[in-house]
């Protein structure tokens, strides 16, 4: 093979590789798409939280509203917790207990506190869908989870104000659903694991219908959060997501 032929061949190979490089998805692009698939202009849902431990099973029910990527309100409807509310607006999370007429603000590590003694934290239930604001992301390859080809990503917190310093997530390459996640301290100690047990398709998007959470700081405990109904892009009063409404 002549030098001229070698140069032409090498040039052709480089040109053939260019589209492949351009089409390679980045970690940030995966996260942006993942967040977008979970975000609606508005939503209303009802569901339940079932926690099973060595003492048996406890079921709590709730209704919830969301607006965009940051605003959410959860109100518990089960008898023991009726009227308790969780409000999240960008950067702030508030709890309201009607019996005591008490309003509490949570932030930082306090977001990891248990909701009603379950394996769910306040962060788990009200997580904002703007991941790249709080985390840097690394793409670690691919893995099959429950028959689904997934991107494997590691998220590292930018500040100490987030609930979980390290997250490892498995994101479906087709639907961008997070099938599995592991949450750890900055030192790598496993705090919690999550996996999706069942899904629902709403507005052409695949979303969790039933999710199992295990707090690794507890023994013999797991919690399943299940949606009974979900409506999206519906008219909502903006006052729903205010402190005045929270204490009403």
Protein backbone atom coordinates (compact mmCIF):
# COMPACT_ATOMS: atom_id res chain seq x y z
CA UNK A 1 0.00 0.00 0.00
CA UNK A 2 1.43 3.39 -1.05
CA UNK A 3 1.74 6.35 1.32
CA UNK A 4 -0.98 8.16 -0.68
CA UNK A 5 -3.34 5.20 -0.25
CA UNK A 6 -2.60 5.03 3.47
CA UNK A 7 -3.43 8.74 3.91
CA UNK A 8 -6.72 8.40 2.00
CA UNK A 9 -7.69 5.31 3.99
CA UNK A 10 -6.91 7.00 7.33
CA UNK A 11 -8.87 10.08 6.29
CA UNK A 12 -11.91 7.99 5.36
CA UNK A 13 -11.77 6.14 8.68
CA UNK A 14 -11.66 9.44 10.58
CA UNK A 15 -14.64 10.75 8.65
CA UNK A 16 -16.59 7.59 9.39
CA UNK A 17 -15.89 8.01 13.10
CA UNK A 18 -17.05 11.62 13.31
CA UNK A 19 -20.83 10.89 13.32
CA UNK A 20 -20.34 8.31 16.03
CA UNK A 21 -18.52 10.79 18.25
CA UNK A 22 -21.06 13.53 17.61
CA UNK A 23 -23.96 11.24 18.44
CA UNK A 24 -22.49 10.03 21.76
CA UNK A 25 -24.70 11.22 24.59
CA UNK A 26 -23.12 12.96 27.56
CA UNK A 27 -23.86 12.48 31.25
CA UNK A 28 -25.36 15.97 31.51
CA UNK A 29 -27.65 15.32 28.54
CA UNK A 30 -28.91 12.11 30.14
CA UNK A 31 -29.72 13.93 33.39
CA UNK A 32 -31.45 16.81 31.62
CA UNK A 33 -33.65 14.39 29.67
CA UNK A 34 -34.33 12.33 32.81
CA UNK A 35 -35.44 15.41 34.74
CA UNK A 36 -37.54 16.61 31.82
CA UNK A 37 -39.39 13.30 31.55
CA UNK A 38 -40.38 13.54 35.23
CA UNK A 39 -41.48 17.18 35.11
CA UNK A 40 -44.94 18.47 34.19
CA UNK A 41 -46.45 21.94 34.19
CA UNK A 42 -48.73 20.68 36.96
CA UNK A 43 -49.87 17.37 38.43
CA UNK A 44 -52.24 15.91 41.01
CA UNK A 45 -51.90 12.42 42.45
CA UNK A 46 -53.13 10.17 45.22
CA UNK A 47 -51.32 7.21 46.69
CA UNK A 48 -50.10 5.27 49.69
CA UNK A 49 -46.97 4.55 51.69
CA UNK A 50 -46.68 1.05 53.15
CA UNK A 51 -43.86 0.44 55.62
CA UNK A 52 -43.05 -3.09 56.75
CA UNK A 53 -40.72 -3.82 59.67
CA UNK A 54 -40.41 -6.30 62.52
CA UNK A 55 -43.52 -4.79 64.14
CA UNK A 56 -45.73 -5.36 61.08
CA UNK A 57 -47.05 -3.14 58.32
CA UNK A 58 -48.29 0.45 58.48
CA UNK A 59 -50.18 2.18 55.66
CA UNK A 60 -50.48 5.95 55.22
CA UNK A 61 -52.32 7.65 52.37
CA UNK A 62 -51.71 11.01 50.73
CA UNK A 63 -52.64 13.41 47.98
CA UNK A 64 -50.06 15.57 46.22
CA UNK A 65 -49.76 18.50 43.86
CA UNK A 66 -46.74 19.63 41.83
CA UNK A 67 -45.90 22.63 39.67
CA UNK A 68 -42.86 22.61 37.42
CA UNK A 69 -39.55 21.23 38.69
CA UNK A 70 -39.45 22.77 42.17
CA UNK A 71 -42.91 23.21 43.75
CA UNK A 72 -44.76 20.39 45.49
CA UNK A 73 -47.33 19.98 48.26
CA UNK A 74 -48.15 16.69 49.98
CA UNK A 75 -51.09 16.32 52.36
CA UNK A 76 -51.65 13.13 54.33
CA UNK A 77 -55.20 11.78 54.38
CA UNK A 78 -54.93 8.68 56.58
CA UNK A 79 -56.66 8.97 59.96
CA UNK A 80 -53.55 9.08 62.16
CA UNK A 81 -51.78 11.71 60.03
CA UNK A 82 -54.70 13.61 58.53
CA UNK A 83 -53.88 17.24 57.79
CA UNK A 84 -50.10 16.94 58.05
CA UNK A 85 -48.50 18.70 55.08
CA UNK A 86 -45.13 18.95 53.35
CA UNK A 87 -44.47 21.98 51.16
CA UNK A 88 -41.43 22.33 48.94
CA UNK A 89 -40.57 25.41 46.96
CA UNK A 90 -37.18 26.05 45.37
CA UNK A 91 -34.57 25.82 48.10
CA UNK A 92 -37.00 25.43 51.00
CA UNK A 93 -39.02 22.63 52.61
CA UNK A 94 -41.65 23.13 55.30
CA UNK A 95 -43.65 20.76 57.52
CA UNK A 96 -47.01 21.62 59.05
CA UNK A 97 -48.62 19.74 61.95
CA UNK A 98 -52.28 20.80 62.39
CA UNK A 99 -52.71 19.57 65.98
CA UNK A 100 -49.88 21.76 67.22
CA UNK A 101 -50.37 24.44 64.56
CA UNK A 102 -46.61 24.17 64.15
CA UNK A 103 -44.55 25.09 61.06
CA UNK A 104 -41.03 23.67 60.71
CA UNK A 105 -38.42 24.39 58.04
CA UNK A 106 -35.99 21.64 56.98
CA UNK A 107 -32.76 21.96 55.03
CA UNK A 108 -29.48 20.16 54.38
CA UNK A 109 -29.05 16.81 56.14
CA UNK A 110 -32.47 17.23 57.81
CA UNK A 111 -34.01 16.41 54.43
CA UNK A 112 -32.91 12.81 55.08
CA UNK A 113 -35.23 12.52 58.09
CA UNK A 114 -37.89 9.82 57.90
CA UNK A 115 -41.44 10.62 56.77
CA UNK A 116 -43.92 9.08 59.25
CA UNK A 117 -41.35 6.50 60.39
CA UNK A 118 -41.02 5.06 56.88
CA UNK A 119 -37.88 4.40 54.83
CA UNK A 120 -38.81 7.44 52.75
CA UNK A 121 -37.16 10.77 53.50
CA UNK A 122 -38.54 14.22 52.84
CA UNK A 123 -36.02 14.48 49.99
CA UNK A 124 -37.30 11.22 48.47
CA UNK A 125 -40.90 12.43 48.43
CA UNK A 126 -40.31 16.00 47.25
CA UNK A 127 -37.11 15.85 45.21
CA UNK A 128 -36.67 18.83 42.89
CA UNK A 129 -36.15 17.99 39.19
CA UNK A 130 -33.11 20.20 38.62
CA UNK A 131 -30.36 17.70 39.36
CA UNK A 132 -27.52 19.53 37.60
CA UNK A 133 -27.94 22.52 39.92
CA UNK A 134 -26.83 20.37 42.85
CA UNK A 135 -24.67 17.59 41.37
CA UNK A 136 -21.81 16.95 39.00
CA UNK A 137 -22.39 13.81 36.95
CA UNK A 138 -20.17 11.05 35.57
CA UNK A 139 -21.25 8.38 33.08
CA UNK A 140 -19.86 5.00 34.17
CA UNK A 141 -21.11 2.78 31.35
CA UNK A 142 -24.13 0.57 30.84
CA UNK A 143 -25.87 -2.25 32.69
CA UNK A 144 -29.03 -4.33 32.29
CA UNK A 145 -31.58 -3.81 35.09
CA UNK A 146 -34.76 -5.89 35.10
CA UNK A 147 -34.31 -6.52 31.39
CA UNK A 148 -33.79 -2.84 30.56
CA UNK A 149 -30.58 -1.42 29.09
CA UNK A 150 -29.53 1.42 31.40
CA UNK A 151 -26.96 4.17 31.63
CA UNK A 152 -25.05 3.97 34.92
CA UNK A 153 -24.24 7.37 36.39
CA UNK A 154 -22.55 8.64 39.54
CA UNK A 155 -23.72 11.97 40.95
CA UNK A 156 -21.52 13.93 43.35
CA UNK A 157 -22.98 16.81 45.37
CA UNK A 158 -21.64 20.30 44.73
CA UNK A 159 -22.47 21.52 48.26
CA UNK A 160 -23.42 20.17 51.68
CA UNK A 161 -26.97 21.47 51.36
CA UNK A 162 -28.28 18.35 49.58
CA UNK A 163 -29.60 15.26 51.31
CA UNK A 164 -27.37 12.68 49.61
CA UNK A 165 -23.67 13.48 48.91
CA UNK A 166 -23.32 10.61 46.42
CA UNK A 167 -25.95 9.01 44.19
CA UNK A 168 -25.53 6.10 41.79
CA UNK A 169 -28.45 5.73 39.40
CA UNK A 170 -29.46 3.39 36.58
CA UNK A 171 -31.34 5.32 33.87
CA UNK A 172 -33.30 3.52 31.12
CA UNK A 173 -31.75 4.36 27.73
CA UNK A 174 -35.15 4.41 26.05
CA UNK A 175 -37.58 5.90 28.59
CA UNK A 176 -35.10 7.69 30.92
CA UNK A 177 -36.81 6.13 33.93
CA UNK A 178 -34.54 5.60 36.93
CA UNK A 179 -35.00 1.89 37.61
CA UNK A 180 -32.59 1.70 40.52
CA UNK A 181 -30.60 4.05 42.76
CA UNK A 182 -28.12 3.86 45.62
CA UNK A 183 -27.54 6.82 47.94
CA UNK A 184 -24.33 7.17 49.96
CA UNK A 185 -22.36 9.48 52.21
CA UNK A 186 -19.34 11.36 50.86
CA UNK A 187 -17.19 8.59 52.39
CA UNK A 188 -19.10 5.91 50.44
CA UNK A 189 -21.28 4.51 53.23
CA UNK A 190 -24.53 3.21 51.75
CA UNK A 191 -27.54 5.04 53.19
CA UNK A 192 -30.45 3.90 51.08
CA UNK A 193 -31.47 1.88 48.03
CA UNK A 194 -34.42 2.40 45.68
CA UNK A 195 -35.92 0.26 42.94
CA UNK A 196 -38.99 0.65 40.73
CA UNK A 197 -41.38 -2.32 40.96
CA UNK A 198 -44.09 -1.17 38.54
CA UNK A 199 -44.60 1.64 36.03
CA UNK A 200 -47.37 3.72 34.50
CA UNK A 201 -47.43 5.56 31.16
CA UNK A 202 -48.81 9.10 31.36
CA UNK A 203 -48.69 11.64 28.54
CA UNK A 204 -46.37 9.30 26.64
CA UNK A 205 -43.88 9.09 29.50
CA UNK A 206 -42.98 6.05 31.60
CA UNK A 207 -43.14 6.90 35.30
CA UNK A 208 -42.86 4.95 38.58
CA UNK A 209 -46.17 3.57 39.81
CA UNK A 210 -44.75 1.47 42.63
CA UNK A 211 -41.35 2.10 44.21
CA UNK A 212 -39.54 0.20 46.96
CA UNK A 213 -37.14 2.01 49.31
CA UNK A 214 -34.84 0.45 51.90
CA UNK A 215 -33.08 2.57 54.52
CA UNK A 216 -29.79 0.78 55.22
CA UNK A 217 -29.56 2.48 58.61
CA UNK A 218 -32.62 0.45 59.72
CA UNK A 219 -32.92 -3.30 60.26
CA UNK A 220 -35.57 -5.42 58.55
CA UNK A 221 -37.45 -2.43 57.17
CA UNK A 222 -38.72 -1.48 53.71
CA UNK A 223 -41.26 0.93 52.31
CA UNK A 224 -43.35 0.78 49.14
CA UNK A 225 -44.80 4.00 47.74
CA UNK A 226 -47.63 3.39 45.26
CA UNK A 227 -49.65 5.78 43.11
CA UNK A 228 -53.39 5.21 42.81
CA UNK A 229 -54.15 8.13 40.46
CA UNK A 230 -52.11 10.65 38.51
CA UNK A 231 -53.35 13.61 36.45
CA UNK A 232 -50.95 15.93 34.64
CA UNK A 233 -51.03 19.38 33.07
CA UNK A 234 -54.23 20.38 34.82
CA UNK A 235 -55.33 23.82 36.09
CA UNK A 236 -54.05 24.50 39.62
CA UNK A 237 -54.30 27.54 41.87
CA UNK A 238 -50.77 28.92 42.41
CA UNK A 239 -51.71 29.67 46.02
CA UNK A 240 -51.47 25.94 46.70
CA UNK A 241 -47.69 26.30 46.97
CA UNK A 242 -47.61 29.14 49.51
CA UNK A 243 -46.99 29.21 53.26
CA UNK A 244 -50.39 30.82 53.77
CA UNK A 245 -52.10 27.82 52.19
CA UNK A 246 -49.90 25.40 54.12
CA UNK A 247 -51.20 26.60 57.49
CA UNK A 248 -54.81 26.94 56.37
